[in-house]
Structures are given as structure tokens and as C-alpha cells.
Amino acid sequence: MAASVALPGVALVLDAANAAQRFELPLDREGDFIVLGDANTAIGASKVEHDLSGLAGHRLCSHGGLGEQRVPFILSRPLTAEYRRIAETRGLRNYDIFDFALNGVE
């Protein structure tokens, strides 16, 4: 972990227990630790192990960094009072969209 956190482009390194708690993930699915890149860094094995030719000039987008956690949560119908209260009082996760879209709209 100490070697990883010292690498350029690394924003955060967490052990498995802290990563599972912070990101609400099952602990048994985590490795020993996780490494998150900063806004300008995609983490992978090495450049030679990734075929980027299919990008055809488009930017590569990595998912999972801290800077990519806020994502618009947009519905085409107004929320019920109960779901408005939920949205205002707790943090929403990407999977909450299913519950809100199916059960939380007028």
C-alpha cells in the first residue's frame, strides 16, 4: 500500500475493510487493498497490455475514481414526498435509480 500511494497519479489507497465500508461493497469481493487514480489517471497493468487502437482518437474513460462518483440522477416525473425526503437526507448511490424510477415517482 505504501508503494502504491507514492506512485504519481494515485489519489487514494485503502485496505479491503476500509474500502468495503466506504464504498458499500461486500468485503469478500475485495482484494487486499484498492488503488484509485486521480482525475487524470487511469490505472491498468501496463500500456503494452492494453489495445487502445479501437478508441480511434477518442479519449479513454476510466470508471471508479473519486472524481467520477457524482453522477446526475434525472427522472422524467416528479418524486413523491417520501422519495424527495430520502433524496434530501441521505446520499444516493447509482443503484438507487431503479427504486426511485419504479417506486418513487408520482
Protein backbone atom coordinates (compact mmCIF):
# COMPACT_ATOMS: atom_id res chain seq x y z
CA MET A 1 0.00 0.00 0.00
CA ALA A 2 2.84 2.38 0.83
CA ALA A 3 4.45 1.77 -2.57
CA SER A 4 1.15 2.36 -4.37
CA VAL A 5 0.27 5.60 -2.61
CA ALA A 6 3.68 7.01 -3.59
CA LEU A 7 3.04 6.50 -7.33
CA PRO A 8 2.20 9.54 -9.45
CA GLY A 9 -1.47 9.76 -10.32
CA VAL A 10 -2.71 7.86 -7.27
CA ALA A 11 -5.37 9.69 -5.28
CA LEU A 12 -6.16 7.14 -2.58
CA VAL A 13 -5.18 3.69 -1.34
CA LEU A 14 -7.41 1.79 1.10
CA ASP A 15 -7.19 -1.64 2.69
CA ALA A 16 -10.04 -4.03 1.90
CA ALA A 17 -12.02 -3.41 5.10
CA ASN A 18 -11.97 0.37 4.74
CA ALA A 19 -12.74 0.21 1.01
CA ALA A 20 -15.72 -2.10 1.59
CA GLN A 21 -17.08 0.18 4.29
CA ARG A 22 -16.51 3.45 2.43
CA PHE A 23 -17.94 2.29 -0.90
CA GLU A 24 -20.59 -0.09 0.49
CA LEU A 25 -19.05 -3.15 -1.14
CA PRO A 26 -19.01 -6.77 0.08
CA LEU A 27 -15.72 -7.39 1.86
CA ASP A 28 -15.34 -10.89 0.43
CA ARG A 29 -15.23 -9.43 -3.09
CA GLU A 30 -12.32 -7.07 -2.37
CA GLY A 31 -8.63 -7.72 -2.83
CA ASP A 32 -6.11 -6.91 -0.11
CA PHE A 33 -6.33 -3.21 -0.99
CA ILE A 34 -7.65 -0.85 -3.65
CA VAL A 35 -5.90 1.95 -5.53
CA LEU A 36 -7.82 4.87 -7.01
CA GLY A 37 -6.33 7.14 -9.63
CA ASP A 38 -6.68 10.91 -9.67
CA ALA A 39 -8.81 12.77 -12.24
CA ASN A 40 -6.09 12.46 -14.91
CA THR A 41 -5.01 8.86 -14.36
CA ALA A 42 -6.45 5.53 -15.49
CA ILE A 43 -4.94 2.59 -13.64
CA GLY A 44 -4.12 -0.62 -15.52
CA ALA A 45 -1.46 -3.29 -15.76
CA SER A 46 0.75 -1.52 -18.32
CA LYS A 47 0.38 0.35 -21.60
CA VAL A 48 1.57 -2.62 -23.66
CA GLU A 49 -1.14 -4.86 -22.18
CA HIS A 50 -3.98 -2.61 -23.35
CA ASP A 51 -5.03 -2.37 -27.00
CA LEU A 52 -6.16 1.24 -27.35
CA SER A 53 -6.36 1.15 -31.17
CA GLY A 54 -10.14 0.71 -31.01
CA LEU A 55 -10.55 4.15 -29.49
CA ALA A 56 -9.97 5.72 -32.92
CA GLY A 57 -8.89 9.06 -31.50
CA HIS A 58 -11.48 9.15 -28.69
CA ARG A 59 -10.45 9.63 -25.08
CA LEU A 60 -10.20 6.64 -22.78
CA CYS A 61 -12.57 6.92 -19.82
CA SER A 62 -11.82 5.03 -16.64
CA HIS A 63 -14.53 4.42 -14.06
CA GLY A 64 -14.24 4.19 -10.33
CA GLY A 65 -12.15 7.23 -9.42
CA LEU A 66 -13.24 9.58 -6.66
CA GLY A 67 -13.84 12.36 -9.19
CA GLU A 68 -16.39 10.21 -11.01
CA GLN A 69 -18.68 9.47 -8.09
CA ARG A 70 -21.13 12.31 -8.61
CA VAL A 71 -23.41 11.36 -11.47
CA PRO A 72 -26.64 13.15 -12.46
CA PHE A 73 -29.74 11.38 -11.19
CA ILE A 74 -32.51 12.53 -13.52
CA LEU A 75 -36.11 11.32 -13.70
CA SER A 76 -38.81 12.50 -16.11
CA ARG A 77 -41.54 12.60 -13.47
CA PRO A 78 -41.64 14.37 -10.08
CA LEU A 79 -40.69 12.45 -6.97
CA THR A 80 -43.26 11.62 -4.31
CA ALA A 81 -42.88 13.48 -1.00
CA GLU A 82 -41.38 10.37 0.63
CA TYR A 83 -38.71 9.92 -2.06
CA ARG A 84 -37.95 13.67 -2.10
CA ARG A 85 -37.25 13.40 1.63
CA ILE A 86 -35.00 10.36 1.06
CA ALA A 87 -33.07 12.19 -1.68
CA GLU A 88 -32.57 15.23 0.55
CA THR A 89 -31.49 13.36 3.68
CA ARG A 90 -29.11 10.64 2.53
CA GLY A 91 -26.54 10.06 -0.15
CA LEU A 92 -27.82 8.26 -3.22
CA ARG A 93 -25.91 5.51 -4.99
CA ASN A 94 -26.11 4.59 -8.67
CA TYR A 95 -28.26 1.53 -7.97
CA ASP A 96 -30.90 3.71 -6.20
CA ILE A 97 -32.12 4.85 -9.62
CA PHE A 98 -34.09 1.61 -10.03
CA ASP A 99 -36.03 2.06 -6.79
CA PHE A 100 -36.64 5.76 -7.44
CA ALA A 101 -37.77 5.23 -11.04
CA LEU A 102 -40.08 2.32 -10.22
CA ASN A 103 -41.43 3.32 -6.81
CA GLY A 104 -40.66 6.96 -6.14
CA VAL A 105 -42.36 8.96 -8.86
CA GLU A 106 -45.86 10.43 -9.00
